[in-house]
C-alpha atoms as a PDB file:
ATOM      1  CA  MET A   1      -0.004   0.001  -0.003  1.00  0.00           C
ATOM      2  CA  ARG A   2       1.241   3.459  -0.904  1.00  0.00           C
ATOM      3  CA  PHE A   3       0.235   5.942   1.765  1.00  0.00           C
ATOM      4  CA  ARG A   4       0.015   9.658   2.407  1.00  0.00           C
ATOM      5  CA  VAL A   5       1.284  11.154   5.651  1.00  0.00           C
ATOM      6  CA  GLY A   6      -1.801  12.498   7.392  1.00  0.00           C
ATOM      7  CA  ASN A   7      -3.896  14.664   5.097  1.00  0.00           C
ATOM      8  CA  SER A   8      -0.874  16.274   3.515  1.00  0.00           C
ATOM      9  CA  SER A   9       0.442  15.661   0.038  1.00  0.00           C
ATOM     10  CA  ALA A  10       3.937  16.573   1.221  1.00  0.00           C
ATOM     11  CA  GLY A  11       5.055  13.083   2.206  1.00  0.00           C
ATOM     12  CA  TYR A  12       4.456   9.640   0.733  1.00  0.00           C
ATOM     13  CA  GLY A  13       5.743   6.176   1.440  1.00  0.00           C
ATOM     14  CA  VAL A  14       5.068   2.458   1.016  1.00  0.00           C
ATOM     15  CA  HIS A  15       3.510   0.396   3.792  1.00  0.00           C
ATOM     16  CA  LEU A  16       3.858  -3.357   3.986  1.00  0.00           C
ATOM     17  CA  LEU A  17       0.658  -4.724   5.553  1.00  0.00           C
ATOM     18  CA  GLU A  18       0.970  -7.519   8.074  1.00  0.00           C
ATOM     19  CA  GLY A  19      -2.488  -8.419   9.326  1.00  0.00           C
ATOM     20  CA  ASP A  20      -3.862  -5.446  11.242  1.00  0.00           C
ATOM     21  CA  THR A  21      -0.510  -3.645  11.345  1.00  0.00           C
ATOM     22  CA  ALA A  22       1.693  -1.924   8.796  1.00  0.00           C
ATOM     23  CA  VAL A  23       5.401  -1.126   8.438  1.00  0.00           C
ATOM     24  CA  ASN A  24       6.737   1.904   6.568  1.00  0.00           C
ATOM     25  CA  ILE A  25       9.340   0.250   4.338  1.00  0.00           C
ATOM     26  CA  SER A  26      10.141   3.525   2.616  1.00  0.00           C
ATOM     27  CA  ALA A  27      11.784   4.586   5.878  1.00  0.00           C
ATOM     28  CA  LEU A  28      13.916   1.413   5.934  1.00  0.00           C
ATOM     29  CA  ASP A  29      15.550   1.808   2.491  1.00  0.00           C
ATOM     30  CA  ALA A  30      15.607   4.916   0.314  1.00  0.00           C
ATOM     31  CA  ASN A  31      15.631   2.691  -2.791  1.00  0.00           C
ATOM     32  CA  VAL A  32      12.038   1.705  -2.038  1.00  0.00           C
ATOM     33  CA  GLY A  33      10.972   5.244  -2.906  1.00  0.00           C
ATOM     34  CA  THR A  34       7.651   6.887  -2.208  1.00  0.00           C
ATOM     35  CA  ASP A  35       5.400   4.730  -4.368  1.00  0.00           C
ATOM     36  CA  LEU A  36       5.575   1.152  -5.625  1.00  0.00           C
ATOM     37  CA  MET A  37       7.852   1.926  -8.546  1.00  0.00           C
ATOM     38  CA  GLY A  38      11.011   1.138  -6.615  1.00  0.00           C
ATOM     39  CA  LEU A  39       9.724  -2.369  -5.934  1.00  0.00           C
ATOM     40  CA  ILE A  40       8.245  -2.745  -9.407  1.00  0.00           C
ATOM     41  CA  ARG A  41      11.563  -1.840 -11.072  1.00  0.00           C
ATOM     42  CA  GLY A  42      13.455  -4.119  -8.694  1.00  0.00           C
ATOM     43  CA  ASP A  43      15.511  -1.312  -7.164  1.00  0.00           C
ATOM     44  CA  VAL A  44      15.323  -3.204  -3.888  1.00  0.00           C
ATOM     45  CA  ASP A  45      14.584  -6.822  -3.013  1.00  0.00           C
ATOM     46  CA  ILE A  46      12.026  -6.757  -0.248  1.00  0.00           C
ATOM     47  CA  SER A  47      13.336 -10.053   1.116  1.00  0.00           C
ATOM     48  CA  SER A  48      16.590  -8.262   1.959  1.00  0.00           C
ATOM     49  CA  LEU A  49      14.609  -6.070   4.347  1.00  0.00           C
ATOM     50  CA  ALA A  50      13.147  -8.981   6.333  1.00  0.00           C
ATOM     51  CA  ASP A  51      15.212  -8.324   9.493  1.00  0.00           C
ATOM     52  CA  ALA A  52      14.640  -4.584   9.334  1.00  0.00           C
ATOM     53  CA  ILE A  53      10.902  -5.122   8.850  1.00  0.00           C
ATOM     54  CA  ALA A  54      10.733  -7.435  11.840  1.00  0.00           C
ATOM     55  CA  ALA A  55      12.457  -4.840  14.037  1.00  0.00           C
ATOM     56  CA  ALA A  56      10.638  -1.802  12.648  1.00  0.00           C
ATOM     57  CA  PRO A  57       7.870  -0.054  14.613  1.00  0.00           C
ATOM     58  CA  LYS A  58       4.373  -1.223  13.666  1.00  0.00           C
ATOM     59  CA  VAL A  59       1.392   1.058  13.218  1.00  0.00           C
ATOM     60  CA  ASP A  60      -2.320   0.328  13.029  1.00  0.00           C
ATOM     61  CA  ALA A  61      -3.059  -0.418   9.391  1.00  0.00           C
ATOM     62  CA  THR A  62      -6.318   1.511   9.584  1.00  0.00           C
ATOM     63  CA  SER A  63      -4.419   4.684  10.579  1.00  0.00           C
ATOM     64  CA  VAL A  64      -2.627   5.109   7.233  1.00  0.00           C
ATOM     65  CA  VAL A  65      -4.237   7.168   4.461  1.00  0.00           C
ATOM     66  CA  PRO A  66      -4.083   5.386   1.066  1.00  0.00           C
ATOM     67  CA  ALA A  67      -2.636   7.051  -2.012  1.00  0.00           C
ATOM     68  CA  LEU A  68      -2.465   5.806  -5.606  1.00  0.00           C
ATOM     69  CA  PRO A  69      -0.207   2.716  -5.647  1.00  0.00           C
ATOM     70  CA  VAL A  70       1.645   4.104  -8.687  1.00  0.00           C
ATOM     71  CA  ALA A  71       1.803   7.894  -8.569  1.00  0.00           C
ATOM     72  CA  ASN A  72       2.081   8.470 -12.305  1.00  0.00           C
ATOM     73  CA  PRO A  73       1.336   5.402 -14.376  1.00  0.00           C
ATOM     74  CA  GLY A  74       2.542   5.614 -17.973  1.00  0.00           C
ATOM     75  CA  LYS A  75      -0.582   3.960 -19.368  1.00  0.00           C
ATOM     76  CA  VAL A  76      -3.982   3.075 -17.936  1.00  0.00           C
ATOM     77  CA  ILE A  77      -5.645   0.594 -20.303  1.00  0.00           C
ATOM     78  CA  CYS A  78      -9.130  -0.736 -19.630  1.00  0.00           C
ATOM     79  CA  LEU A  79     -11.237  -3.582 -21.029  1.00  0.00           C
ATOM     80  CA  GLY A  80     -14.759  -2.426 -21.683  1.00  0.00           C
ATOM     81  CA  LEU A  81     -16.485  -5.753 -22.318  1.00  0.00           C
ATOM     82  CA  ASN A  82     -15.006  -8.779 -20.562  1.00  0.00           C
ATOM     83  CA  TYR A  83     -17.926 -10.603 -18.854  1.00  0.00           C
ATOM     84  CA  VAL A  84     -20.540 -12.159 -21.175  1.00  0.00           C
ATOM     85  CA  ASP A  85     -23.553 -11.265 -19.027  1.00  0.00           C
ATOM     86  CA  HIS A  86     -22.346  -7.634 -18.784  1.00  0.00           C
ATOM     87  CA  ILE A  87     -21.985  -7.542 -22.561  1.00  0.00           C
ATOM     88  CA  LYS A  88     -25.550  -8.749 -22.947  1.00  0.00           C
ATOM     89  CA  GLU A  89     -27.033  -6.312 -20.387  1.00  0.00           C
ATOM     90  CA  GLY A  90     -25.384  -3.440 -22.289  1.00  0.00           C
ATOM     91  CA  GLY A  91     -26.957  -4.547 -25.579  1.00  0.00           C
ATOM     92  CA  TYR A  92     -23.675  -5.363 -27.278  1.00  0.00           C
ATOM     93  CA  GLU A  93     -22.681  -8.333 -29.430  1.00  0.00           C
ATOM     94  CA  ILE A  94     -20.026 -10.586 -27.947  1.00  0.00           C
ATOM     95  CA  PRO A  95     -16.806  -9.297 -29.517  1.00  0.00           C
ATOM     96  CA  ASP A  96     -14.011 -11.399 -30.980  1.00  0.00           C
ATOM     97  CA  TYR A  97     -11.442  -8.782 -29.933  1.00  0.00           C
ATOM     98  CA  PRO A  98     -11.384  -6.974 -26.593  1.00  0.00           C
ATOM     99  CA  ALA A  99     -12.940  -3.493 -26.402  1.00  0.00           C
ATOM    100  CA  LEU A 100     -10.017  -1.427 -25.150  1.00  0.00           C
ATOM    101  CA  PHE A 101      -9.960   2.214 -24.044  1.00  0.00           C
ATOM    102  CA  MET A 102      -7.672   4.402 -21.982  1.00  0.00           C
ATOM    103  CA  ARG A 103      -8.177   6.530 -18.894  1.00  0.00           C
ATOM    104  CA  SER A 104      -6.222   9.660 -17.972  1.00  0.00           C
ATOM    105  CA  ARG A 105      -4.313  10.175 -14.747  1.00  0.00           C
ATOM    106  CA  ASN A 106      -6.726  12.967 -13.733  1.00  0.00           C
ATOM    107  CA  SER A 107      -9.632  10.490 -13.778  1.00  0.00           C
ATOM    108  CA  LEU A 108      -7.970   8.348 -11.118  1.00  0.00           C
ATOM    109  CA  MET A 109      -7.737   8.824  -7.397  1.00  0.00           C
ATOM    110  CA  ALA A 110      -6.894   6.815  -4.321  1.00  0.00           C
ATOM    111  CA  ALA A 111      -9.330   4.508  -2.578  1.00  0.00           C
ATOM    112  CA  GLY A 112     -11.108   6.411   0.201  1.00  0.00           C
ATOM    113  CA  GLU A 113     -11.116   9.689  -1.721  1.00  0.00           C
ATOM    114  CA  PRO A 114     -14.482  10.935  -3.015  1.00  0.00           C
ATOM    115  CA  MET A 115     -15.835   9.900  -6.366  1.00  0.00           C
ATOM    116  CA  VAL A 116     -17.157  13.102  -7.908  1.00  0.00           C
ATOM    117  CA  ARG A 117     -20.536  13.166  -9.613  1.00  0.00           C
ATOM    118  CA  PRO A 118     -20.144  15.912 -12.214  1.00  0.00           C
ATOM    119  CA  THR A 119     -22.402  18.963 -12.348  1.00  0.00           C
ATOM    120  CA  CYS A 120     -23.426  18.163 -15.939  1.00  0.00           C
ATOM    121  CA  SER A 121     -24.867  14.678 -15.256  1.00  0.00           C
ATOM    122  CA  GLU A 122     -26.573  12.592 -12.606  1.00  0.00           C
ATOM    123  CA  LYS A 123     -25.724   9.323 -14.367  1.00  0.00           C
ATOM    124  CA  LEU A 124     -22.625   8.327 -12.429  1.00  0.00           C
ATOM    125  CA  ASP A 125     -22.296   4.530 -12.582  1.00  0.00           C
ATOM    126  CA  TYR A 126     -20.065   1.989 -10.798  1.00  0.00           C
ATOM    127  CA  GLU A 127     -17.995  -0.857 -12.222  1.00  0.00           C
ATOM    128  CA  ALA A 128     -16.147  -3.277  -9.952  1.00  0.00           C
ATOM    129  CA  GLU A 129     -12.933  -4.402 -11.609  1.00  0.00           C
ATOM    130  CA  LEU A 130      -9.753  -6.340 -11.070  1.00  0.00           C
ATOM    131  CA  MET A 131      -6.725  -4.216 -11.943  1.00  0.00           C
ATOM    132  CA  LEU A 132      -3.203  -5.474 -12.571  1.00  0.00           C
ATOM    133  CA  ILE A 133       0.087  -3.607 -12.362  1.00  0.00           C
ATOM    134  CA  ILE A 134       2.765  -4.440 -14.926  1.00  0.00           C
ATOM    135  CA  GLY A 135       6.095  -5.318 -13.323  1.00  0.00           C
ATOM    136  CA  LYS A 136       8.245  -6.383 -16.279  1.00  0.00           C
ATOM    137  CA  GLY A 137       7.745  -4.533 -19.534  1.00  0.00           C
ATOM    138  CA  GLY A 138       7.871  -5.850 -23.056  1.00  0.00           C
ATOM    139  CA  LYS A 139       6.304  -6.108 -26.463  1.00  0.00           C
ATOM    140  CA  HIS A 140       4.955  -9.146 -28.299  1.00  0.00           C
ATOM    141  CA  ILE A 141       4.634 -10.949 -24.989  1.00  0.00           C
ATOM    142  CA  SER A 142       3.387 -14.518 -25.424  1.00  0.00           C
ATOM    143  CA  GLU A 143       0.304 -15.640 -23.531  1.00  0.00           C
ATOM    144  CA  ALA A 144       2.417 -18.435 -21.999  1.00  0.00           C
ATOM    145  CA  ASP A 145       4.860 -15.925 -20.514  1.00  0.00           C
ATOM    146  CA  ALA A 146       2.431 -13.079 -19.767  1.00  0.00           C
ATOM    147  CA  LEU A 147       1.858 -13.745 -16.064  1.00  0.00           C
ATOM    148  CA  GLU A 148       5.589 -13.303 -15.444  1.00  0.00           C
ATOM    149  CA  HIS A 149       5.027  -9.623 -16.334  1.00  0.00           C
ATOM    150  CA  VAL A 150       2.531  -8.985 -13.511  1.00  0.00           C
ATOM    151  CA  PHE A 151       3.835  -7.221 -10.416  1.00  0.00           C
ATOM    152  CA  GLY A 152       0.558  -7.340  -8.496  1.00  0.00           C
ATOM    153  CA  TYR A 153      -3.196  -7.033  -8.412  1.00  0.00           C
ATOM    154  CA  THR A 154      -5.381  -4.311  -6.943  1.00  0.00           C
ATOM    155  CA  LEU A 155      -8.956  -3.010  -7.064  1.00  0.00           C
ATOM    156  CA  PHE A 156     -10.548  -0.506  -9.407  1.00  0.00           C
ATOM    157  CA  ASN A 157     -13.944   1.132  -9.703  1.00  0.00           C
ATOM    158  CA  ASP A 158     -14.352   2.257 -13.327  1.00  0.00           C
ATOM    159  CA  GLY A 159     -16.738   5.095 -12.557  1.00  0.00           C
ATOM    160  CA  SER A 160     -18.611   5.952 -15.742  1.00  0.00           C
ATOM    161  CA  VAL A 161     -20.823   8.906 -16.634  1.00  0.00           C
ATOM    162  CA  ARG A 162     -23.153   7.001 -18.891  1.00  0.00           C
ATOM    163  CA  ASP A 163     -24.846   9.711 -20.926  1.00  0.00           C
ATOM    164  CA  TYR A 164     -21.429  11.106 -21.907  1.00  0.00           C
ATOM    165  CA  GLN A 165     -20.143   7.608 -22.620  1.00  0.00           C
ATOM    166  CA  ARG A 166     -22.980   7.089 -25.082  1.00  0.00           C
ATOM    167  CA  LYS A 167     -22.707  10.434 -26.877  1.00  0.00           C
ATOM    168  CA  THR A 168     -20.416   8.878 -29.535  1.00  0.00           C
ATOM    169  CA  HIS A 169     -19.048   5.482 -30.455  1.00  0.00           C
ATOM    170  CA  GLN A 170     -15.869   6.417 -28.608  1.00  0.00           C
ATOM    171  CA  TRP A 171     -16.246   6.051 -24.833  1.00  0.00           C
ATOM    172  CA  THR A 172     -13.531   8.547 -23.858  1.00  0.00           C
ATOM    173  CA  PRO A 173     -15.670  11.362 -22.344  1.00  0.00           C
ATOM    174  CA  GLY A 174     -17.772   9.161 -20.073  1.00  0.00           C
ATOM    175  CA  LYS A 175     -14.735   7.245 -18.844  1.00  0.00           C
ATOM    176  CA  ASN A 176     -12.501  10.233 -18.089  1.00  0.00           C
ATOM    177  CA  PHE A 177     -14.312  12.653 -15.825  1.00  0.00           C
ATOM    178  CA  ASP A 178     -11.997  13.873 -13.069  1.00  0.00           C
ATOM    179  CA  ALA A 179     -11.909  11.797  -9.876  1.00  0.00           C
ATOM    180  CA  THR A 180     -14.220   9.001 -11.006  1.00  0.00           C
ATOM    181  CA  GLY A 181     -11.790   6.026 -10.934  1.00  0.00           C
ATOM    182  CA  PRO A 182     -10.645   4.949  -7.465  1.00  0.00           C
ATOM    183  CA  VAL A 183      -7.677   2.553  -7.322  1.00  0.00           C
ATOM    184  CA  GLY A 184      -6.397   0.470  -4.419  1.00  0.00           C
ATOM    185  CA  PRO A 185      -5.770   0.626  -1.590  1.00  0.00           C
ATOM    186  CA  ASP A 186      -3.965  -2.736  -1.362  1.00  0.00           C
ATOM    187  CA  VAL A 187      -1.700  -4.417  -3.908  1.00  0.00           C
ATOM    188  CA  VAL A 188      -1.330  -8.165  -3.646  1.00  0.00           C
ATOM    189  CA  THR A 189       1.526 -10.000  -5.348  1.00  0.00           C
ATOM    190  CA  PRO A 190       0.713 -12.915  -7.661  1.00  0.00           C
ATOM    191  CA  ASP A 191       2.107 -15.544  -5.298  1.00  0.00           C
ATOM    192  CA  GLU A 192      -0.722 -14.734  -2.855  1.00  0.00           C
ATOM    193  CA  LEU A 193      -3.488 -15.462  -5.395  1.00  0.00           C
ATOM    194  CA  PRO A 194      -4.470 -18.153  -7.918  1.00  0.00           C
ATOM    195  CA  ALA A 195      -2.580 -17.923 -11.218  1.00  0.00           C
ATOM    196  CA  GLY A 196      -4.062 -15.068 -13.245  1.00  0.00           C
ATOM    197  CA  ALA A 197      -6.262 -14.102 -10.288  1.00  0.00           C
ATOM    198  CA  VAL A 198      -8.990 -16.498 -11.476  1.00  0.00           C
ATOM    199  CA  GLY A 199     -11.797 -17.767  -9.311  1.00  0.00           C
ATOM    200  CA  LEU A 200     -11.991 -14.715  -7.039  1.00  0.00           C
ATOM    201  CA  LYS A 201     -15.357 -13.380  -5.879  1.00  0.00           C
ATOM    202  CA  ILE A 202     -15.888  -9.801  -7.083  1.00  0.00           C
ATOM    203  CA  GLU A 203     -18.627  -7.537  -5.737  1.00  0.00           C
ATOM    204  CA  SER A 204     -19.810  -3.955  -5.599  1.00  0.00           C
ATOM    205  CA  ARG A 205     -22.285  -2.653  -3.040  1.00  0.00           C
ATOM    206  CA  VAL A 206     -23.714   0.374  -1.295  1.00  0.00           C
ATOM    207  CA  GLY A 207     -24.358  -0.467   2.348  1.00  0.00           C
ATOM    208  CA  ASP A 208     -26.298  -3.753   2.413  1.00  0.00           C
ATOM    209  CA  GLU A 209     -27.360  -3.381  -1.216  1.00  0.00           C
ATOM    210  CA  ILE A 210     -25.328  -5.763  -3.384  1.00  0.00           C
ATOM    211  CA  LEU A 211     -25.006  -4.245  -6.833  1.00  0.00           C
ATOM    212  CA  GLN A 212     -22.724  -6.763  -8.572  1.00  0.00           C
ATOM    213  CA  SER A 213     -21.597 -10.235  -7.580  1.00  0.00           C
ATOM    214  CA  ALA A 214     -19.613 -12.589  -9.781  1.00  0.00           C
ATOM    215  CA  THR A 215     -16.287 -14.362 -10.061  1.00  0.00           C
ATOM    216  CA  THR A 216     -13.180 -13.498 -12.067  1.00  0.00           C
ATOM    217  CA  SER A 217     -13.436 -16.958 -13.631  1.00  0.00           C
ATOM    218  CA  ASP A 218     -16.225 -15.427 -15.766  1.00  0.00           C
ATOM    219  CA  MET A 219     -13.803 -13.124 -17.609  1.00  0.00           C
ATOM    220  CA  LEU A 220     -13.904 -13.613 -21.372  1.00  0.00           C
ATOM    221  CA  TRP A 221     -10.245 -12.597 -21.789  1.00  0.00           C
ATOM    222  CA  SER A 222      -7.877 -13.820 -19.086  1.00  0.00           C
ATOM    223  CA  VAL A 223      -5.111 -11.687 -17.601  1.00  0.00           C
ATOM    224  CA  ALA A 224      -2.525 -13.555 -19.688  1.00  0.00           C
ATOM    225  CA  LYS A 225      -4.501 -13.225 -22.931  1.00  0.00           C
ATOM    226  CA  THR A 226      -5.096  -9.521 -22.266  1.00  0.00           C
ATOM    227  CA  ILE A 227      -1.416  -8.800 -21.689  1.00  0.00           C
ATOM    228  CA  ALA A 228      -0.482 -10.679 -24.836  1.00  0.00           C
ATOM    229  CA  THR A 229      -3.129  -8.860 -26.879  1.00  0.00           C
ATOM    230  CA  ILE A 230      -2.194  -5.371 -25.704  1.00  0.00           C
ATOM    231  CA  SER A 231       1.525  -6.030 -26.167  1.00  0.00           C
ATOM    232  CA  GLU A 232       0.918  -6.771 -29.855  1.00  0.00           C
ATOM    233  CA  TYR A 233       0.401  -3.049 -30.454  1.00  0.00           C
ATOM    234  CA  SER A 234       1.917  -1.293 -27.447  1.00  0.00           C
ATOM    235  CA  THR A 235       5.096  -1.744 -25.464  1.00  0.00           C
ATOM    236  CA  LEU A 236       4.091  -2.382 -21.892  1.00  0.00           C
ATOM    237  CA  GLU A 237       6.214  -0.704 -19.231  1.00  0.00           C
ATOM    238  CA  PRO A 238       6.675  -1.201 -15.492  1.00  0.00           C
ATOM    239  CA  GLY A 239       3.923   0.607 -13.608  1.00  0.00           C
ATOM    240  CA  ASP A 240       1.343   0.456 -16.402  1.00  0.00           C
ATOM    241  CA  LEU A 241      -2.145  -0.340 -15.155  1.00  0.00           C
ATOM    242  CA  ILE A 242      -4.648  -2.674 -16.858  1.00  0.00           C
ATOM    243  CA  ALA A 243      -8.279  -2.893 -15.725  1.00  0.00           C
ATOM    244  CA  MET A 244      -9.945  -6.171 -16.526  1.00  0.00           C
ATOM    245  CA  GLY A 245     -13.551  -5.167 -17.088  1.00  0.00           C
ATOM    246  CA  THR A 246     -16.670  -5.421 -14.948  1.00  0.00           C
ATOM    247  CA  PRO A 247     -19.272  -8.142 -14.303  1.00  0.00           C
ATOM    248  CA  PRO A 248     -23.047  -7.686 -14.800  1.00  0.00           C
ATOM    249  CA  GLY A 249     -25.209  -5.568 -12.518  1.00  0.00           C
ATOM    250  CA  VAL A 250     -24.104  -2.064 -13.452  1.00  0.00           C
ATOM    251  CA  GLY A 251     -26.483   0.773 -12.709  1.00  0.00           C
ATOM    252  CA  HIS A 252     -27.504   1.715 -16.243  1.00  0.00           C
ATOM    253  CA  ALA A 253     -28.789  -1.814 -16.920  1.00  0.00           C
ATOM    254  CA  LYS A 254     -31.084  -1.948 -13.885  1.00  0.00           C
ATOM    255  CA  LYS A 255     -34.776  -1.069 -14.168  1.00  0.00           C
ATOM    256  CA  PRO A 256     -35.030   1.678 -13.129  1.00  0.00           C
ATOM    257  CA  PRO A 257     -31.364   2.670 -13.530  1.00  0.00           C
ATOM    258  CA  ARG A 258     -29.404   2.755 -10.298  1.00  0.00           C
ATOM    259  CA  TRP A 259     -27.050   5.803 -10.292  1.00  0.00           C
ATOM    260  CA  LEU A 260     -24.613   6.638  -7.508  1.00  0.00           C
ATOM    261  CA  ARG A 261     -25.907   9.464  -5.313  1.00  0.00           C
ATOM    262  CA  PRO A 262     -24.053  12.025  -3.196  1.00  0.00           C
ATOM    263  CA  GLY A 263     -23.905  10.882   0.421  1.00  0.00           C
ATOM    264  CA  GLU A 264     -23.560   7.198  -0.460  1.00  0.00           C
ATOM    265  CA  THR A 265     -20.394   5.135  -0.173  1.00  0.00           C
ATOM    266  CA  VAL A 266     -19.746   2.533  -2.850  1.00  0.00           C
ATOM    267  CA  GLU A 267     -17.504  -0.431  -2.118  1.00  0.00           C
ATOM    268  CA  VAL A 268     -15.678  -2.763  -4.513  1.00  0.00           C
ATOM    269  CA  GLU A 269     -14.425  -5.993  -2.971  1.00  0.00           C
ATOM    270  CA  ILE A 270     -12.354  -8.746  -4.503  1.00  0.00           C
ATOM    271  CA  GLU A 271     -11.648 -11.920  -2.602  1.00  0.00           C
ATOM    272  CA  GLY A 272      -8.040 -12.060  -1.376  1.00  0.00           C
ATOM    273  CA  ILE A 273      -7.288  -8.460  -2.363  1.00  0.00           C
ATOM    274  CA  GLY A 274      -9.459  -6.198  -0.202  1.00  0.00           C
ATOM    275  CA  ILE A 275     -12.046  -3.435  -0.338  1.00  0.00           C
ATOM    276  CA  CYS A 276     -11.993  -0.131  -2.233  1.00  0.00           C
ATOM    277  CA  ALA A 277     -14.496   2.207  -0.565  1.00  0.00           C
ATOM    278  CA  SER A 278     -15.395   5.613  -1.998  1.00  0.00           C
ATOM    279  CA  PRO A 279     -17.833   8.261  -0.781  1.00  0.00           C
ATOM    280  CA  ILE A 280     -19.845   9.998  -3.482  1.00  0.00           C
ATOM    281  CA  VAL A 281     -19.892  13.798  -3.615  1.00  0.00           C
ATOM    282  CA  ALA A 282     -21.440  16.293  -5.990  1.00  0.00           C
ATOM    283  CA  GLU A 283     -19.027  18.451  -7.947  1.00  0.00           C
ATOM    284  CA  GLU A 284     -21.042  21.557  -7.098  1.00  0.00           C
ATOM    285  CA  SER A 285     -20.572  20.921  -3.391  1.00  0.00           C
ATOM    286  CA  LEU A 286     -16.810  20.946  -3.864  1.00  0.00           C
ATOM    287  CA  THR A 287     -17.004  24.262  -5.667  1.00  0.00           C
ATOM    288  CA  THR A 288     -19.157  25.677  -2.869  1.00  0.00           C
ATOM    289  CA  ASN A 289     -16.727  24.499  -0.214  1.00  0.00           C
ATOM    290  CA  GLU A 290     -13.749  25.962  -2.059  1.00  0.00           C
ATOM    291  CA  ALA A 291     -15.518  29.297  -2.370  1.00  0.00           C
ATOM    292  CA  ALA A 292     -16.308  29.308   1.357  1.00  0.00           C
ATOM    293  CA  GLU A 293     -12.661  28.730   2.204  1.00  0.00           C
END
């Protein structure tokens, strides 16, 4: 977990979670750095810090404030249609090539930070997704070797402003509103999960209301196949993020539609990885608060 010191953006570090406690490993070795890139690039072998970690002071894991695991990812690539029942509920034909789009850095924020419903639309939707972080870069990566390129897995909520997504055949506007894509907080290495993160329960919910519930075994394109496909056209680099699509149950497909509302908190949970919780706020309320300050 990458963390922020208090509520300030002045200091960042990396916490290793051990049950209910955490250790600031950035303070143990400067090569770790202030986000996960030091570990992703292999600037330090975390096993070499085992003794220092054991002796380091522990803090309550709930006391740290999450930040984006990778501060400035080079690419954020998303699969739009990767669960058959989600494809059907959206009225699409099952594709023979993955529907890929990109998100900007401004559209992302850390788990726990507010998802912002924009002033121009009330149709803010949720999408629970598995996200992977590339550890070893490359191009023309074979499917057989692809999982060797994964540094870890985290959580993503691909917040989508549906009316803007549907304005054209290109989904870019609806997928790139500022502060609509929470990532994290935890990153789990592949050795802690089934190969390719298959068979994991994935859910989204607001309070006791379960919005989506499925398993990552239902993905049409596996993690390995997705990496291989993307690397045919683009060189993948350490720190790149790939979101693996969402299962059925999204808000726009419900009758009536179920949009996220200010005052709610939406949670995305993936078995073995954790929970990404995000309060919903209205953009106009942020503007009002800034003016008052």
